[in-house]
Amino acid sequence: MVNQKETTRGVCYLLCFILLHHLTPSSSSFSSHPDGGRASLLRSPKPDPSNAAATARWLAAENDWGVLSTISRELGGAPFGNVVSFSDGLPGNGHGIPYFYLTTLDPTARNALKDARSSLTISEFPLGTCGQRDPENPTCSKLTLTGKLKLIDSLSKEAEFAKQALFSKHSEMKSWPADHNFQIFTLEIEDIFLIDWFGGPKPLPVADYLNKKVYQRSAVSKL
């Protein structure tokens, strides 16, 4: 009788193992799709690496988070990097200028109000288009926008646009606590650092980056 129970238990364990094996994704399927399918959700294809301005605008438009670095008074002037959500416009209609929804309960906003010098770094890797390449590989594009992190007048038309841009990509923000006093900030871009291929950073004037026609021509040429 004992042997029969042990046999039954063994069969159950075996069936559970087989079931779990078939229901659980294999490690190979994770490695072949490191982005979890994010690449299929892109609003536009990646521009050619020779078009630095279009590539930089594409990174800003397709990404919705990055690392925002400020100068920390609390750390004696040391740089302080913080993961933040951002938006450069409505989905499919990016303007290149990032907006942020920040609270002074967090060091980033406090730092910016004392010393506006800041930089935003974003990578192609989260978009899922780098494949098996390491995030530091030059062909896996990365962008750093440096400038001044400024508080926007809450009653201005820019604030209204920025809020629409942020909430269209980060709907959760609408329900964030009112007593946390979230405010809209923007980065006034002064310098652009872009690597999207071998050979070092690409020279990219701010005026070229903000030229919407450059990005639009690139998107049309991909169709």
N, C-alpha and C. Protein backbone atom coordinates (compact mmCIF):
# COMPACT_ATOMS: atom_id res chain seq x y z
N MET A 1 0.83 -1.21 0.00
CA MET A 1 0.00 0.00 0.00
C MET A 1 0.86 1.25 0.00
N VAL A 2 1.98 1.20 0.78
CA VAL A 2 2.89 2.32 0.86
C VAL A 2 3.54 2.56 -0.49
N ASN A 3 3.95 1.46 -1.14
CA ASN A 3 4.59 1.59 -2.45
C ASN A 3 3.64 2.20 -3.47
N GLN A 4 2.35 1.86 -3.38
CA GLN A 4 1.37 2.41 -4.31
C GLN A 4 1.24 3.92 -4.12
N LYS A 5 1.24 4.38 -2.85
CA LYS A 5 1.16 5.81 -2.57
C LYS A 5 2.39 6.53 -3.09
N GLU A 6 3.57 5.92 -2.89
CA GLU A 6 4.80 6.54 -3.35
C GLU A 6 4.83 6.64 -4.88
N THR A 7 4.31 5.57 -5.51
CA THR A 7 4.26 5.58 -6.98
C THR A 7 3.34 6.67 -7.48
N THR A 8 2.17 6.79 -6.83
CA THR A 8 1.21 7.83 -7.23
C THR A 8 1.79 9.22 -7.04
N ARG A 9 2.48 9.42 -5.92
CA ARG A 9 3.11 10.71 -5.65
C ARG A 9 4.17 11.02 -6.70
N GLY A 10 4.94 9.99 -7.06
CA GLY A 10 5.98 10.17 -8.07
C GLY A 10 5.41 10.55 -9.42
N VAL A 11 4.29 9.91 -9.78
CA VAL A 11 3.64 10.24 -11.06
C VAL A 11 3.14 11.68 -11.04
N CYS A 12 2.59 12.10 -9.91
CA CYS A 12 2.10 13.48 -9.79
C CYS A 12 3.23 14.49 -9.95
N TYR A 13 4.36 14.21 -9.30
CA TYR A 13 5.51 15.10 -9.42
C TYR A 13 5.98 15.19 -10.87
N LEU A 14 5.99 14.04 -11.55
CA LEU A 14 6.44 14.01 -12.93
C LEU A 14 5.51 14.82 -13.83
N LEU A 15 4.19 14.67 -13.62
CA LEU A 15 3.21 15.41 -14.41
C LEU A 15 3.34 16.91 -14.17
N CYS A 16 3.56 17.30 -12.90
CA CYS A 16 3.73 18.72 -12.58
C CYS A 16 4.97 19.29 -13.26
N PHE A 17 6.04 18.49 -13.25
CA PHE A 17 7.28 18.93 -13.89
C PHE A 17 7.08 19.14 -15.39
N ILE A 18 6.40 18.20 -16.03
CA ILE A 18 6.15 18.30 -17.47
C ILE A 18 5.29 19.52 -17.78
N LEU A 19 4.26 19.74 -16.94
CA LEU A 19 3.37 20.88 -17.15
C LEU A 19 4.11 22.20 -17.01
N LEU A 20 4.92 22.32 -15.96
CA LEU A 20 5.69 23.54 -15.75
C LEU A 20 6.69 23.77 -16.87
N HIS A 21 7.27 22.70 -17.37
CA HIS A 21 8.26 22.80 -18.43
C HIS A 21 7.64 23.39 -19.70
N HIS A 22 6.40 23.01 -19.97
CA HIS A 22 5.74 23.49 -21.17
C HIS A 22 5.16 24.89 -21.00
N LEU A 23 4.78 25.26 -19.77
CA LEU A 23 4.18 26.57 -19.55
C LEU A 23 5.19 27.66 -19.32
N THR A 24 6.39 27.30 -18.82
CA THR A 24 7.41 28.30 -18.51
C THR A 24 8.26 28.59 -19.74
N PRO A 25 8.43 29.88 -20.14
CA PRO A 25 9.27 30.20 -21.30
C PRO A 25 10.69 29.74 -21.07
N SER A 26 11.30 29.20 -22.10
CA SER A 26 12.67 28.73 -21.99
C SER A 26 13.62 29.90 -21.92
N SER A 27 14.85 29.63 -21.44
CA SER A 27 15.85 30.70 -21.35
C SER A 27 16.23 31.19 -22.73
N SER A 28 16.15 30.29 -23.74
CA SER A 28 16.51 30.72 -25.08
C SER A 28 15.52 31.74 -25.62
N SER A 29 14.23 31.60 -25.24
CA SER A 29 13.26 32.56 -25.74
C SER A 29 13.47 33.92 -25.11
N PHE A 30 13.96 33.96 -23.86
CA PHE A 30 14.27 35.24 -23.23
C PHE A 30 15.49 35.86 -23.88
N SER A 31 16.50 35.05 -24.19
CA SER A 31 17.72 35.60 -24.75
C SER A 31 17.52 36.09 -26.17
N SER A 32 16.59 35.47 -26.89
CA SER A 32 16.36 35.91 -28.26
C SER A 32 15.45 37.13 -28.31
N HIS A 33 14.76 37.43 -27.22
CA HIS A 33 13.90 38.60 -27.15
C HIS A 33 14.19 39.35 -25.84
N PRO A 34 15.39 39.92 -25.70
CA PRO A 34 15.76 40.57 -24.44
C PRO A 34 14.90 41.77 -24.12
N ASP A 35 14.21 42.31 -25.11
CA ASP A 35 13.40 43.50 -24.90
C ASP A 35 11.99 43.17 -24.47
N GLY A 36 11.64 41.87 -24.44
CA GLY A 36 10.29 41.49 -24.06
C GLY A 36 9.25 41.94 -25.07
N GLY A 37 9.66 42.10 -26.33
CA GLY A 37 8.71 42.51 -27.36
C GLY A 37 8.56 44.00 -27.50
N ARG A 38 9.37 44.79 -26.78
CA ARG A 38 9.25 46.25 -26.82
C ARG A 38 9.50 46.79 -28.23
N ALA A 39 10.41 46.14 -28.99
CA ALA A 39 10.76 46.65 -30.32
C ALA A 39 9.55 46.72 -31.23
N SER A 40 8.60 45.80 -31.04
CA SER A 40 7.42 45.79 -31.90
C SER A 40 6.47 46.93 -31.60
N LEU A 41 6.69 47.66 -30.50
CA LEU A 41 5.81 48.75 -30.11
C LEU A 41 6.34 50.12 -30.52
N LEU A 42 7.48 50.15 -31.20
CA LEU A 42 8.06 51.42 -31.60
C LEU A 42 7.13 52.16 -32.55
N ARG A 43 7.09 53.49 -32.39
CA ARG A 43 6.22 54.30 -33.25
C ARG A 43 6.87 54.60 -34.60
N SER A 44 8.20 54.53 -34.67
CA SER A 44 8.90 54.75 -35.93
C SER A 44 10.20 53.96 -35.92
N PRO A 45 10.71 53.57 -37.10
CA PRO A 45 11.94 52.78 -37.16
C PRO A 45 13.16 53.64 -36.85
N LYS A 46 14.25 52.98 -36.51
CA LYS A 46 15.49 53.68 -36.19
C LYS A 46 16.08 54.32 -37.44
N PRO A 47 16.45 55.60 -37.37
CA PRO A 47 17.06 56.28 -38.53
C PRO A 47 18.43 55.70 -38.85
N ASP A 48 18.94 56.03 -40.02
CA ASP A 48 20.28 55.60 -40.41
C ASP A 48 21.31 56.27 -39.50
N PRO A 49 22.36 55.55 -39.09
CA PRO A 49 23.37 56.13 -38.19
C PRO A 49 24.05 57.37 -38.75
N SER A 50 24.03 57.54 -40.06
CA SER A 50 24.67 58.72 -40.65
C SER A 50 23.90 59.99 -40.37
N ASN A 51 22.64 59.87 -39.96
CA ASN A 51 21.81 61.04 -39.67
C ASN A 51 21.76 61.23 -38.15
N ALA A 52 22.72 61.99 -37.64
CA ALA A 52 22.86 62.16 -36.19
C ALA A 52 21.64 62.84 -35.58
N ALA A 53 21.16 63.89 -36.21
CA ALA A 53 20.03 64.63 -35.65
C ALA A 53 18.78 63.76 -35.57
N ALA A 54 18.51 63.01 -36.63
CA ALA A 54 17.33 62.15 -36.64
C ALA A 54 17.45 61.04 -35.60
N THR A 55 18.64 60.48 -35.44
CA THR A 55 18.84 59.42 -34.45
C THR A 55 18.62 59.95 -33.04
N ALA A 56 19.15 61.13 -32.75
CA ALA A 56 18.98 61.73 -31.43
C ALA A 56 17.51 62.02 -31.15
N ARG A 57 16.80 62.57 -32.13
CA ARG A 57 15.38 62.86 -31.94
C ARG A 57 14.57 61.58 -31.78
N TRP A 58 14.95 60.54 -32.50
CA TRP A 58 14.28 59.24 -32.40
C TRP A 58 14.44 58.68 -30.99
N LEU A 59 15.63 58.76 -30.44
CA LEU A 59 15.88 58.27 -29.08
C LEU A 59 15.02 59.03 -28.07
N ALA A 60 14.94 60.35 -28.22
CA ALA A 60 14.15 61.16 -27.28
C ALA A 60 12.66 60.88 -27.41
N ALA A 61 12.20 60.63 -28.64
CA ALA A 61 10.77 60.41 -28.87
C ALA A 61 10.31 59.02 -28.44
N GLU A 62 11.16 58.01 -28.67
CA GLU A 62 10.75 56.64 -28.39
C GLU A 62 10.94 56.24 -26.93
N ASN A 63 11.90 56.84 -26.27
CA ASN A 63 12.12 56.53 -24.86
C ASN A 63 11.13 57.29 -23.98
N ASP A 64 10.84 56.75 -22.82
CA ASP A 64 9.97 57.46 -21.87
C ASP A 64 10.59 57.54 -20.47
N TRP A 65 11.84 57.12 -20.33
CA TRP A 65 12.56 57.30 -19.06
C TRP A 65 14.05 57.38 -19.35
N GLY A 66 14.78 57.93 -18.40
CA GLY A 66 16.22 58.04 -18.54
C GLY A 66 16.84 58.37 -17.19
N VAL A 67 18.12 58.70 -17.19
CA VAL A 67 18.83 59.08 -15.97
C VAL A 67 19.08 60.58 -16.01
N LEU A 68 18.48 61.29 -15.07
CA LEU A 68 18.62 62.75 -14.97
C LEU A 68 19.64 63.07 -13.88
N SER A 69 20.71 63.72 -14.26
CA SER A 69 21.79 64.02 -13.31
C SER A 69 21.80 65.50 -12.96
N THR A 70 21.96 65.77 -11.68
CA THR A 70 22.01 67.14 -11.17
C THR A 70 23.22 67.30 -10.26
N ILE A 71 23.48 68.54 -9.85
CA ILE A 71 24.57 68.84 -8.92
C ILE A 71 24.00 68.84 -7.51
N SER A 72 24.49 67.95 -6.67
CA SER A 72 23.92 67.78 -5.34
C SER A 72 24.61 68.66 -4.30
N ARG A 73 23.86 69.57 -3.72
CA ARG A 73 24.38 70.35 -2.60
C ARG A 73 24.50 69.48 -1.35
N GLU A 74 23.59 68.54 -1.22
CA GLU A 74 23.58 67.67 -0.04
C GLU A 74 24.78 66.73 -0.03
N LEU A 75 25.36 66.50 -1.23
CA LEU A 75 26.54 65.63 -1.34
C LEU A 75 27.80 66.44 -1.65
N GLY A 76 27.76 67.71 -1.29
CA GLY A 76 28.94 68.55 -1.45
C GLY A 76 29.29 68.86 -2.90
N GLY A 77 28.30 68.93 -3.78
CA GLY A 77 28.56 69.25 -5.18
C GLY A 77 28.83 68.06 -6.06
N ALA A 78 28.66 66.87 -5.52
CA ALA A 78 28.86 65.66 -6.32
C ALA A 78 27.69 65.48 -7.30
N PRO A 79 27.93 64.81 -8.43
CA PRO A 79 26.82 64.55 -9.36
C PRO A 79 25.86 63.52 -8.76
N PHE A 80 24.57 63.72 -9.01
CA PHE A 80 23.55 62.81 -8.51
C PHE A 80 22.65 62.39 -9.67
N GLY A 81 22.70 61.11 -10.03
CA GLY A 81 21.88 60.59 -11.12
C GLY A 81 20.64 59.91 -10.58
N ASN A 82 19.51 60.17 -11.23
CA ASN A 82 18.23 59.64 -10.75
C ASN A 82 17.40 59.16 -11.95
N VAL A 83 16.83 57.97 -11.84
CA VAL A 83 15.95 57.47 -12.89
C VAL A 83 14.64 58.26 -12.86
N VAL A 84 14.28 58.87 -13.99
CA VAL A 84 13.07 59.68 -14.06
C VAL A 84 12.30 59.37 -15.34
N SER A 85 10.99 59.59 -15.27
CA SER A 85 10.16 59.50 -16.46
C SER A 85 10.17 60.86 -17.16
N PHE A 86 10.01 60.85 -18.49
CA PHE A 86 9.96 62.12 -19.21
C PHE A 86 9.14 61.93 -20.49
N SER A 87 8.85 63.03 -21.15
CA SER A 87 8.19 63.01 -22.44
C SER A 87 8.63 64.22 -23.24
N ASP A 88 8.84 64.03 -24.53
CA ASP A 88 9.21 65.16 -25.39
C ASP A 88 8.05 65.56 -26.30
N GLY A 89 6.86 65.04 -26.01
CA GLY A 89 5.69 65.39 -26.81
C GLY A 89 4.68 64.27 -26.82
N LEU A 90 3.61 64.46 -27.55
CA LEU A 90 2.59 63.43 -27.67
C LEU A 90 3.15 62.24 -28.44
N PRO A 91 2.62 61.03 -28.22
CA PRO A 91 3.12 59.85 -28.93
C PRO A 91 3.11 60.06 -30.45
N GLY A 92 4.23 59.79 -31.07
CA GLY A 92 4.34 59.94 -32.52
C GLY A 92 4.58 61.37 -32.98
N ASN A 93 4.71 62.30 -32.03
CA ASN A 93 4.90 63.71 -32.40
C ASN A 93 5.84 64.38 -31.42
N GLY A 94 7.04 63.81 -31.29
CA GLY A 94 8.02 64.36 -30.36
C GLY A 94 8.59 65.69 -30.83
N HIS A 95 8.94 66.54 -29.87
CA HIS A 95 9.51 67.86 -30.18
C HIS A 95 10.98 67.94 -29.81
N GLY A 96 11.51 66.90 -29.15
CA GLY A 96 12.93 66.88 -28.82
C GLY A 96 13.28 67.47 -27.46
N ILE A 97 12.39 68.29 -26.92
CA ILE A 97 12.65 68.92 -25.61
C ILE A 97 11.97 68.10 -24.52
N PRO A 98 12.73 67.57 -23.57
CA PRO A 98 12.13 66.71 -22.55
C PRO A 98 11.45 67.49 -21.43
N TYR A 99 10.33 66.95 -20.96
CA TYR A 99 9.60 67.51 -19.82
C TYR A 99 9.55 66.46 -18.71
N PHE A 100 9.54 66.96 -17.47
CA PHE A 100 9.57 66.08 -16.30
C PHE A 100 8.51 66.51 -15.30
N TYR A 101 8.04 65.56 -14.52
CA TYR A 101 7.04 65.81 -13.47
C TYR A 101 7.71 65.47 -12.14
N LEU A 102 8.19 66.48 -11.44
CA LEU A 102 9.06 66.27 -10.28
C LEU A 102 8.50 66.93 -9.02
N THR A 103 8.92 66.40 -7.89
CA THR A 103 8.55 66.95 -6.59
C THR A 103 9.81 67.27 -5.80
N THR A 104 9.76 68.32 -4.99
CA THR A 104 10.92 68.68 -4.17
C THR A 104 11.11 67.72 -3.00
N LEU A 105 10.21 66.75 -2.85
CA LEU A 105 10.45 65.69 -1.88
C LEU A 105 11.58 64.79 -2.35
N ASP A 106 11.91 64.91 -3.63
CA ASP A 106 12.99 64.14 -4.24
C ASP A 106 14.20 65.06 -4.46
N PRO A 107 15.43 64.54 -4.30
CA PRO A 107 16.62 65.39 -4.42
C PRO A 107 16.78 66.07 -5.78
N THR A 108 16.32 65.43 -6.86
CA THR A 108 16.55 65.99 -8.19
C THR A 108 15.96 67.39 -8.34
N ALA A 109 14.70 67.56 -7.96
CA ALA A 109 14.06 68.87 -8.06
C ALA A 109 14.72 69.88 -7.11
N ARG A 110 15.04 69.44 -5.91
CA ARG A 110 15.70 70.34 -4.95
C ARG A 110 17.04 70.82 -5.50
N ASN A 111 17.79 69.90 -6.09
CA ASN A 111 19.09 70.26 -6.66
C ASN A 111 18.93 71.28 -7.78
N ALA A 112 17.96 71.04 -8.65
CA ALA A 112 17.77 71.91 -9.82
C ALA A 112 17.39 73.33 -9.43
N LEU A 113 16.63 73.46 -8.36
CA LEU A 113 16.21 74.79 -7.92
C LEU A 113 17.37 75.59 -7.32
N LYS A 114 18.42 74.90 -6.92
CA LYS A 114 19.61 75.56 -6.37
C LYS A 114 20.72 75.72 -7.42
N ASP A 115 20.83 74.73 -8.30
CA ASP A 115 21.84 74.74 -9.35
C ASP A 115 21.23 74.02 -10.55
N ALA A 116 20.88 74.77 -11.57
CA ALA A 116 20.09 74.22 -12.69
C ALA A 116 20.90 73.32 -13.63
N ARG A 117 22.19 73.30 -13.51
CA ARG A 117 23.01 72.48 -14.41
C ARG A 117 22.62 71.00 -14.30
N SER A 118 22.27 70.41 -15.45
CA SER A 118 21.74 69.05 -15.45
C SER A 118 22.04 68.36 -16.77
N SER A 119 21.88 67.05 -16.76
CA SER A 119 21.99 66.29 -18.01
C SER A 119 21.05 65.10 -17.95
N LEU A 120 20.49 64.78 -19.11
CA LEU A 120 19.59 63.62 -19.25
C LEU A 120 20.26 62.62 -20.18
N THR A 121 20.42 61.39 -19.72
CA THR A 121 21.02 60.33 -20.54
C THR A 121 19.98 59.25 -20.82
N ILE A 122 19.86 58.91 -22.10
CA ILE A 122 18.93 57.86 -22.51
C ILE A 122 19.65 56.91 -23.46
N SER A 123 19.17 55.69 -23.53
CA SER A 123 19.81 54.64 -24.31
C SER A 123 18.83 53.97 -25.25
N GLU A 124 19.35 53.44 -26.32
CA GLU A 124 18.53 52.66 -27.26
C GLU A 124 18.17 51.30 -26.67
N PHE A 125 18.98 50.81 -25.75
CA PHE A 125 18.84 49.43 -25.27
C PHE A 125 17.43 49.09 -24.77
N PRO A 126 16.78 49.94 -23.96
CA PRO A 126 15.43 49.59 -23.49
C PRO A 126 14.40 49.48 -24.61
N LEU A 127 14.69 50.03 -25.77
CA LEU A 127 13.74 49.98 -26.88
C LEU A 127 13.71 48.60 -27.55
N GLY A 128 14.73 47.79 -27.27
CA GLY A 128 14.74 46.43 -27.81
C GLY A 128 15.34 46.29 -29.19
N THR A 129 15.96 47.36 -29.70
CA THR A 129 16.50 47.31 -31.05
C THR A 129 18.01 47.07 -31.08
N CYS A 130 18.61 46.81 -29.93
CA CYS A 130 20.04 46.52 -29.88
C CYS A 130 20.34 45.03 -29.98
N GLY A 131 19.29 44.20 -29.95
CA GLY A 131 19.49 42.76 -30.04
C GLY A 131 20.33 42.24 -28.89
N GLN A 132 21.37 41.46 -29.23
CA GLN A 132 22.23 40.86 -28.20
C GLN A 132 23.43 41.75 -27.87
N ARG A 133 23.49 42.94 -28.47
CA ARG A 133 24.62 43.83 -28.21
C ARG A 133 24.56 44.42 -26.81
N ASP A 134 25.73 44.63 -26.24
CA ASP A 134 25.82 45.24 -24.91
C ASP A 134 25.40 46.70 -24.99
N PRO A 135 24.77 47.24 -23.93
CA PRO A 135 24.37 48.66 -23.96
C PRO A 135 25.52 49.62 -24.23
N GLU A 136 26.75 49.22 -23.91
CA GLU A 136 27.90 50.10 -24.13
C GLU A 136 28.46 49.98 -25.54
N ASN A 137 27.98 49.02 -26.32
CA ASN A 137 28.42 48.87 -27.70
C ASN A 137 28.07 50.16 -28.47
N PRO A 138 29.01 50.74 -29.22
CA PRO A 138 28.73 52.01 -29.91
C PRO A 138 27.54 51.97 -30.86
N THR A 139 27.23 50.79 -31.40
CA THR A 139 26.10 50.71 -32.33
C THR A 139 24.76 50.64 -31.61
N CYS A 140 24.79 50.53 -30.29
CA CYS A 140 23.58 50.63 -29.46
C CYS A 140 23.55 52.09 -28.98
N SER A 141 22.77 52.90 -29.66
CA SER A 141 22.86 54.36 -29.51
C SER A 141 22.61 54.83 -28.08
N LYS A 142 23.29 55.91 -27.75
CA LYS A 142 23.06 56.57 -26.46
C LYS A 142 23.18 58.08 -26.63
N LEU A 143 22.37 58.79 -25.86
CA LEU A 143 22.26 60.24 -26.00
C LEU A 143 22.30 60.91 -24.64
N THR A 144 23.09 61.97 -24.53
CA THR A 144 23.10 62.79 -23.33
C THR A 144 22.83 64.24 -23.72
N LEU A 145 21.75 64.77 -23.16
CA LEU A 145 21.38 66.17 -23.36
C LEU A 145 21.79 66.94 -22.11
N THR A 146 22.60 67.96 -22.28
CA THR A 146 23.10 68.75 -21.14
C THR A 146 22.59 70.18 -21.25
N GLY A 147 22.23 70.74 -20.10
CA GLY A 147 21.74 72.12 -20.09
C GLY A 147 21.28 72.54 -18.72
N LYS A 148 20.19 73.30 -18.68
CA LYS A 148 19.64 73.81 -17.42
C LYS A 148 18.25 73.22 -17.20
N LEU A 149 18.04 72.66 -16.01
CA LEU A 149 16.75 72.09 -15.64
C LEU A 149 15.92 73.20 -14.99
N LYS A 150 14.87 73.62 -15.69
CA LYS A 150 14.12 74.80 -15.27
C LYS A 150 12.67 74.45 -14.92
N LEU A 151 12.16 75.12 -13.90
CA LEU A 151 10.76 74.99 -13.51
C LEU A 151 9.90 75.82 -14.46
N ILE A 152 8.80 75.24 -14.93
CA ILE A 152 7.91 75.92 -15.87
C ILE A 152 6.75 76.56 -15.12
N ASP A 153 6.37 77.76 -15.54
CA ASP A 153 5.22 78.45 -14.97
C ASP A 153 3.98 77.56 -15.15
N SER A 154 3.35 77.21 -14.07
CA SER A 154 2.22 76.27 -14.11
C SER A 154 1.01 76.82 -14.86
N LEU A 155 0.95 78.14 -15.06
CA LEU A 155 -0.18 78.77 -15.74
C LEU A 155 0.11 79.04 -17.22
N SER A 156 1.28 78.67 -17.69
CA SER A 156 1.66 78.96 -19.06
C SER A 156 1.12 77.92 -20.04
N LYS A 157 1.09 78.30 -21.32
CA LYS A 157 0.67 77.37 -22.36
C LYS A 157 1.65 76.20 -22.48
N GLU A 158 2.92 76.48 -22.22
CA GLU A 158 3.93 75.42 -22.28
C GLU A 158 3.65 74.36 -21.22
N ALA A 159 3.23 74.80 -20.03
CA ALA A 159 2.90 73.86 -18.96
C ALA A 159 1.72 72.98 -19.34
N GLU A 160 0.75 73.58 -20.01
CA GLU A 160 -0.42 72.82 -20.46
C GLU A 160 -0.02 71.75 -21.49
N PHE A 161 0.85 72.15 -22.43
CA PHE A 161 1.34 71.20 -23.43
C PHE A 161 2.17 70.10 -22.77
N ALA A 162 3.06 70.51 -21.85
CA ALA A 162 3.93 69.55 -21.19
C ALA A 162 3.14 68.51 -20.39
N LYS A 163 2.08 68.97 -19.74
CA LYS A 163 1.26 68.04 -18.96
C LYS A 163 0.57 67.03 -19.87
N GLN A 164 0.08 67.48 -21.01
CA GLN A 164 -0.53 66.56 -21.98
C GLN A 164 0.50 65.56 -22.49
N ALA A 165 1.70 66.05 -22.77
CA ALA A 165 2.76 65.18 -23.26
C ALA A 165 3.14 64.13 -22.22
N LEU A 166 3.27 64.55 -20.98
CA LEU A 166 3.66 63.63 -19.91
C LEU A 166 2.55 62.61 -19.63
N PHE A 167 1.32 63.08 -19.49
CA PHE A 167 0.22 62.18 -19.13
C PHE A 167 -0.13 61.22 -20.26
N SER A 168 0.18 61.59 -21.51
CA SER A 168 -0.12 60.70 -22.63
C SER A 168 0.79 59.47 -22.63
N LYS A 169 1.96 59.60 -22.01
CA LYS A 169 2.90 58.47 -21.94
C LYS A 169 3.00 57.88 -20.55
N HIS A 170 2.57 58.64 -19.54
CA HIS A 170 2.67 58.19 -18.15
C HIS A 170 1.34 58.48 -17.45
N SER A 171 0.32 57.72 -17.78
CA SER A 171 -1.03 58.00 -17.26
C SER A 171 -1.11 57.91 -15.74
N GLU A 172 -0.22 57.14 -15.14
CA GLU A 172 -0.21 57.00 -13.68
C GLU A 172 0.02 58.34 -12.98
N MET A 173 0.72 59.24 -13.66
CA MET A 173 1.04 60.54 -13.05
C MET A 173 -0.21 61.31 -12.65
N LYS A 174 -1.31 61.10 -13.36
CA LYS A 174 -2.55 61.82 -13.07
C LYS A 174 -3.03 61.59 -11.64
N SER A 175 -2.71 60.42 -11.09
CA SER A 175 -3.20 60.06 -9.76
C SER A 175 -2.15 60.20 -8.67
N TRP A 176 -1.01 60.79 -9.00
CA TRP A 176 0.01 60.96 -7.97
C TRP A 176 -0.48 61.97 -6.92
N PRO A 177 -0.08 61.78 -5.65
CA PRO A 177 -0.63 62.58 -4.53
C PRO A 177 -0.51 64.09 -4.74
N ALA A 178 -1.61 64.79 -4.57
CA ALA A 178 -1.62 66.25 -4.75
C ALA A 178 -0.75 66.94 -3.70
N ASP A 179 -0.68 66.37 -2.50
CA ASP A 179 0.09 67.01 -1.44
C ASP A 179 1.61 66.86 -1.63
N HIS A 180 2.01 66.12 -2.67
CA HIS A 180 3.44 66.02 -2.99
C HIS A 180 3.90 67.18 -3.87
N ASN A 181 2.94 67.97 -4.35
CA ASN A 181 3.23 69.18 -5.11
C ASN A 181 4.16 68.91 -6.30
N PHE A 182 3.76 68.00 -7.17
CA PHE A 182 4.54 67.75 -8.38
C PHE A 182 4.47 68.96 -9.30
N GLN A 183 5.59 69.29 -9.90
CA GLN A 183 5.68 70.44 -10.80
C GLN A 183 6.38 70.03 -12.09
N ILE A 184 6.15 70.81 -13.13
CA ILE A 184 6.71 70.48 -14.44
C ILE A 184 8.03 71.22 -14.65
N PHE A 185 9.02 70.47 -15.02
CA PHE A 185 10.34 71.02 -15.34
C PHE A 185 10.67 70.69 -16.79
N THR A 186 11.56 71.46 -17.37
CA THR A 186 12.06 71.16 -18.71
C THR A 186 13.56 71.35 -18.74
N LEU A 187 14.20 70.71 -19.69
CA LEU A 187 15.64 70.85 -19.84
C LEU A 187 15.93 71.80 -21.00
N GLU A 188 16.53 72.94 -20.69
CA GLU A 188 16.96 73.87 -21.73
C GLU A 188 18.30 73.38 -22.26
N ILE A 189 18.27 72.78 -23.44
CA ILE A 189 19.42 72.06 -23.98
C ILE A 189 20.51 73.01 -24.46
N GLU A 190 21.75 72.75 -24.02
CA GLU A 190 22.89 73.56 -24.42
C GLU A 190 23.95 72.73 -25.15
N ASP A 191 23.96 71.43 -24.92
CA ASP A 191 24.97 70.57 -25.54
C ASP A 191 24.39 69.17 -25.75
N ILE A 192 24.84 68.53 -26.81
CA ILE A 192 24.33 67.19 -27.15
C ILE A 192 25.49 66.24 -27.37
N PHE A 193 25.44 65.10 -26.69
CA PHE A 193 26.45 64.05 -26.84
C PHE A 193 25.74 62.81 -27.38
N LEU A 194 26.11 62.38 -28.58
CA LEU A 194 25.46 61.23 -29.22
C LEU A 194 26.50 60.25 -29.74
N ILE A 195 26.29 59.00 -29.41
CA ILE A 195 27.07 57.91 -30.01
C ILE A 195 26.08 56.92 -30.61
N ASP A 196 26.17 56.69 -31.91
CA ASP A 196 25.29 55.72 -32.56
C ASP A 196 26.04 54.82 -33.54
N TRP A 197 27.39 54.94 -33.53
CA TRP A 197 28.21 54.10 -34.40
C TRP A 197 29.65 54.20 -33.92
N PHE A 198 30.53 53.45 -34.55
CA PHE A 198 31.95 53.51 -34.19
C PHE A 198 32.54 54.85 -34.62
N GLY A 199 33.61 55.27 -33.92
CA GLY A 199 34.29 56.51 -34.30
C GLY A 199 34.09 57.67 -33.35
N GLY A 200 33.47 57.42 -32.20
CA GLY A 200 33.32 58.48 -31.22
C GLY A 200 32.01 59.24 -31.36
N PRO A 201 31.81 60.23 -30.51
CA PRO A 201 30.55 61.00 -30.53
C PRO A 201 30.38 61.79 -31.81
N LYS A 202 29.11 61.95 -32.22
CA LYS A 202 28.79 62.70 -33.43
C LYS A 202 28.61 64.18 -33.10
N PRO A 203 29.24 65.07 -33.85
CA PRO A 203 28.99 66.51 -33.65
C PRO A 203 27.52 66.81 -33.99
N LEU A 204 26.83 67.46 -33.07
CA LEU A 204 25.41 67.73 -33.31
C LEU A 204 25.03 69.06 -32.66
N PRO A 205 24.94 70.12 -33.44
CA PRO A 205 24.49 71.41 -32.90
C PRO A 205 23.05 71.32 -32.41
N VAL A 206 22.73 72.07 -31.37
CA VAL A 206 21.37 72.05 -30.81
C VAL A 206 20.34 72.47 -31.86
N ALA A 207 20.70 73.44 -32.69
CA ALA A 207 19.76 73.91 -33.72
C ALA A 207 19.39 72.79 -34.69
N ASP A 208 20.36 71.96 -35.04
CA ASP A 208 20.07 70.83 -35.94
C ASP A 208 19.19 69.80 -35.25
N TYR A 209 19.46 69.58 -33.98
CA TYR A 209 18.65 68.62 -33.21
C TYR A 209 17.20 69.07 -33.13
N LEU A 210 16.98 70.35 -32.93
CA LEU A 210 15.63 70.86 -32.75
C LEU A 210 14.91 71.12 -34.09
N ASN A 211 15.60 70.92 -35.19
CA ASN A 211 14.99 71.11 -36.51
C ASN A 211 14.07 69.93 -36.81
N LYS A 212 12.79 70.12 -36.65
CA LYS A 212 11.82 69.04 -36.79
C LYS A 212 11.83 68.45 -38.19
N LYS A 213 12.14 69.25 -39.20
CA LYS A 213 12.11 68.76 -40.57
C LYS A 213 13.14 67.65 -40.79
N VAL A 214 14.25 67.72 -40.08
CA VAL A 214 15.28 66.68 -40.21
C VAL A 214 14.72 65.33 -39.79
N TYR A 215 14.04 65.31 -38.67
CA TYR A 215 13.46 64.06 -38.15
C TYR A 215 12.33 63.58 -39.05
N GLN A 216 11.50 64.50 -39.53
CA GLN A 216 10.38 64.12 -40.38
C GLN A 216 10.86 63.52 -41.70
N ARG A 217 11.90 64.12 -42.31
CA ARG A 217 12.43 63.59 -43.56
C ARG A 217 12.98 62.19 -43.38
N SER A 218 13.63 61.96 -42.23
CA SER A 218 14.16 60.63 -41.96
C SER A 218 13.05 59.60 -41.83
N ALA A 219 11.97 59.96 -41.13
CA ALA A 219 10.86 59.02 -40.95
C ALA A 219 10.20 58.70 -42.28
N VAL A 220 10.06 59.70 -43.15
CA VAL A 220 9.42 59.48 -44.45
C VAL A 220 10.28 58.59 -45.31
N SER A 221 11.60 58.78 -45.25
CA SER A 221 12.49 57.99 -46.09
C SER A 221 12.50 56.52 -45.73
N LYS A 222 12.06 56.20 -44.50
CA LYS A 222 12.03 54.81 -44.05
C LYS A 222 10.76 54.10 -44.51
N LEU A 223 9.75 54.83 -44.96
CA LEU A 223 8.48 54.22 -45.34
C LEU A 223 8.59 53.45 -46.65
